[in-house]
Amino acid sequence: MDGEIVVARRRQWTPEEKAALMAEVEPERGGRVLMVARRCGISKSLLYNWRSAWRAAKRAPLPAAEFDQLGVLTDASGQSPPMPMAAVP
């Protein structure tokens, strides 16, 4: 190597690639985490972490949308403008 420094970069996985790997390790499909990890050249703990995050995301309820009226501005005459405007903090 003659003083050459080799820097290994972390691989970036797309959501589609992660989904495909997660489908392979699902028990219903008979997949094994260790076999998939070896074939892809990644750590089995990475697959377990992805699977945990994937399951947690499925269980998490979507937050309900809430709207609060912050205020309505009026002009000097006391009449409100044609379109309500939110108060700026």
C-alpha atoms as a PDB file:
ATOM      1  CA  MET A   1       0.000   0.000   0.000  1.00  0.00           C
ATOM      2  CA  ASP A   2       3.040   2.306   0.341  1.00  0.00           C
ATOM      3  CA  GLY A   3       1.575   4.745   2.872  1.00  0.00           C
ATOM      4  CA  GLU A   4      -1.789   4.864   1.150  1.00  0.00           C
ATOM      5  CA  ILE A   5      -4.710   5.347   3.530  1.00  0.00           C
ATOM      6  CA  VAL A   6      -7.935   3.609   2.636  1.00  0.00           C
ATOM      7  CA  VAL A   7     -11.098   5.032   4.187  1.00  0.00           C
ATOM      8  CA  ALA A   8     -14.151   2.804   4.104  1.00  0.00           C
ATOM      9  CA  ARG A   9     -17.385   4.730   3.849  1.00  0.00           C
ATOM     10  CA  ARG A  10     -20.610   3.633   5.414  1.00  0.00           C
ATOM     11  CA  ARG A  11     -23.046   2.185   2.963  1.00  0.00           C
ATOM     12  CA  GLN A  12     -26.280   4.093   2.421  1.00  0.00           C
ATOM     13  CA  TRP A  13     -29.409   1.957   2.185  1.00  0.00           C
ATOM     14  CA  THR A  14     -32.517   3.224   0.456  1.00  0.00           C
ATOM     15  CA  PRO A  15     -35.900   2.631   2.108  1.00  0.00           C
ATOM     16  CA  GLU A  16     -36.711   0.185  -0.705  1.00  0.00           C
ATOM     17  CA  GLU A  17     -33.550  -1.842  -0.034  1.00  0.00           C
ATOM     18  CA  LYS A  18     -34.282  -1.922   3.691  1.00  0.00           C
ATOM     19  CA  ALA A  19     -37.859  -3.033   3.025  1.00  0.00           C
ATOM     20  CA  ALA A  20     -36.641  -5.863   0.792  1.00  0.00           C
ATOM     21  CA  LEU A  21     -34.198  -7.073   3.455  1.00  0.00           C
ATOM     22  CA  MET A  22     -36.860  -6.829   6.163  1.00  0.00           C
ATOM     23  CA  ALA A  23     -39.168  -8.941   4.016  1.00  0.00           C
ATOM     24  CA  GLU A  24     -36.452 -11.585   3.773  1.00  0.00           C
ATOM     25  CA  VAL A  25     -35.967 -11.865   7.539  1.00  0.00           C
ATOM     26  CA  GLU A  26     -39.663 -12.126   8.409  1.00  0.00           C
ATOM     27  CA  PRO A  27     -40.417 -15.438  10.133  1.00  0.00           C
ATOM     28  CA  GLU A  28     -43.381 -16.099   7.829  1.00  0.00           C
ATOM     29  CA  ARG A  29     -40.990 -16.287   4.898  1.00  0.00           C
ATOM     30  CA  GLY A  30     -38.570 -18.530   6.757  1.00  0.00           C
ATOM     31  CA  GLY A  31     -35.771 -15.973   6.582  1.00  0.00           C
ATOM     32  CA  ARG A  32     -32.899 -15.979   9.000  1.00  0.00           C
ATOM     33  CA  VAL A  33     -31.220 -12.775  10.069  1.00  0.00           C
ATOM     34  CA  LEU A  34     -27.736 -14.294  10.179  1.00  0.00           C
ATOM     35  CA  MET A  35     -27.980 -15.740   6.665  1.00  0.00           C
ATOM     36  CA  VAL A  36     -29.292 -12.468   5.167  1.00  0.00           C
ATOM     37  CA  ALA A  37     -26.632 -10.449   7.006  1.00  0.00           C
ATOM     38  CA  ARG A  38     -23.811 -12.685   5.749  1.00  0.00           C
ATOM     39  CA  ARG A  39     -25.090 -12.633   2.188  1.00  0.00           C
ATOM     40  CA  CYS A  40     -25.304  -8.821   2.192  1.00  0.00           C
ATOM     41  CA  GLY A  41     -22.069  -8.309   4.109  1.00  0.00           C
ATOM     42  CA  ILE A  42     -23.667  -6.408   6.980  1.00  0.00           C
ATOM     43  CA  SER A  43     -23.939  -6.870  10.713  1.00  0.00           C
ATOM     44  CA  LYS A  44     -26.862  -8.902  11.980  1.00  0.00           C
ATOM     45  CA  SER A  45     -27.384  -6.266  14.689  1.00  0.00           C
ATOM     46  CA  LEU A  46     -28.087  -3.729  11.951  1.00  0.00           C
ATOM     47  CA  LEU A  47     -30.899  -5.925  10.644  1.00  0.00           C
ATOM     48  CA  TYR A  48     -32.282  -6.342  14.162  1.00  0.00           C
ATOM     49  CA  ASN A  49     -32.189  -2.566  14.666  1.00  0.00           C
ATOM     50  CA  TRP A  50     -33.979  -1.958  11.369  1.00  0.00           C
ATOM     51  CA  ARG A  51     -36.598  -4.557  12.243  1.00  0.00           C
ATOM     52  CA  SER A  52     -37.206  -3.004  15.676  1.00  0.00           C
ATOM     53  CA  ALA A  53     -37.546   0.466  14.171  1.00  0.00           C
ATOM     54  CA  TRP A  54     -39.832  -0.868  11.428  1.00  0.00           C
ATOM     55  CA  ARG A  55     -42.141  -2.548  13.948  1.00  0.00           C
ATOM     56  CA  ALA A  56     -42.192   0.503  16.226  1.00  0.00           C
ATOM     57  CA  ALA A  57     -43.142   2.713  13.279  1.00  0.00           C
ATOM     58  CA  LYS A  58     -46.040   0.381  12.435  1.00  0.00           C
ATOM     59  CA  ARG A  59     -47.328   0.506  16.039  1.00  0.00           C
ATOM     60  CA  ALA A  60     -46.994   4.267  16.518  1.00  0.00           C
ATOM     61  CA  PRO A  61     -50.332   6.044  16.180  1.00  0.00           C
ATOM     62  CA  LEU A  62     -50.484   9.058  13.933  1.00  0.00           C
ATOM     63  CA  PRO A  63     -50.776  12.290  15.893  1.00  0.00           C
ATOM     64  CA  ALA A  64     -54.139  14.003  15.691  1.00  0.00           C
ATOM     65  CA  ALA A  65     -54.118  17.337  13.935  1.00  0.00           C
ATOM     66  CA  GLU A  66     -54.770  20.191  16.325  1.00  0.00           C
ATOM     67  CA  PHE A  67     -55.258  23.813  15.416  1.00  0.00           C
ATOM     68  CA  ASP A  68     -55.200  26.725  17.808  1.00  0.00           C
ATOM     69  CA  GLN A  69     -56.337  30.196  16.841  1.00  0.00           C
ATOM     70  CA  LEU A  70     -53.569  32.545  17.797  1.00  0.00           C
ATOM     71  CA  GLY A  71     -55.495  35.754  17.292  1.00  0.00           C
ATOM     72  CA  VAL A  72     -57.156  38.065  14.790  1.00  0.00           C
ATOM     73  CA  LEU A  73     -55.736  41.473  13.942  1.00  0.00           C
ATOM     74  CA  THR A  74     -57.997  44.471  13.526  1.00  0.00           C
ATOM     75  CA  ASP A  75     -57.311  47.871  12.076  1.00  0.00           C
ATOM     76  CA  ALA A  76     -57.676  51.197  13.951  1.00  0.00           C
ATOM     77  CA  SER A  77     -61.384  51.459  13.064  1.00  0.00           C
ATOM     78  CA  GLY A  78     -62.137  48.255  14.948  1.00  0.00           C
ATOM     79  CA  GLN A  79     -63.189  46.401  11.828  1.00  0.00           C
ATOM     80  CA  SER A  80     -61.505  43.115  11.205  1.00  0.00           C
ATOM     81  CA  PRO A  81     -59.627  42.697   7.944  1.00  0.00           C
ATOM     82  CA  PRO A  82     -61.203  40.574   5.186  1.00  0.00           C
ATOM     83  CA  MET A  83     -58.908  37.660   6.003  1.00  0.00           C
ATOM     84  CA  PRO A  84     -57.999  36.681   9.589  1.00  0.00           C
ATOM     85  CA  MET A  85     -54.271  36.711  10.255  1.00  0.00           C
ATOM     86  CA  ALA A  86     -52.405  34.756  12.906  1.00  0.00           C
ATOM     87  CA  ALA A  87     -50.676  36.794  15.598  1.00  0.00           C
ATOM     88  CA  VAL A  88     -46.911  36.754  15.363  1.00  0.00           C
ATOM     89  CA  PRO A  89     -45.111  36.032  18.643  1.00  0.00           C
END
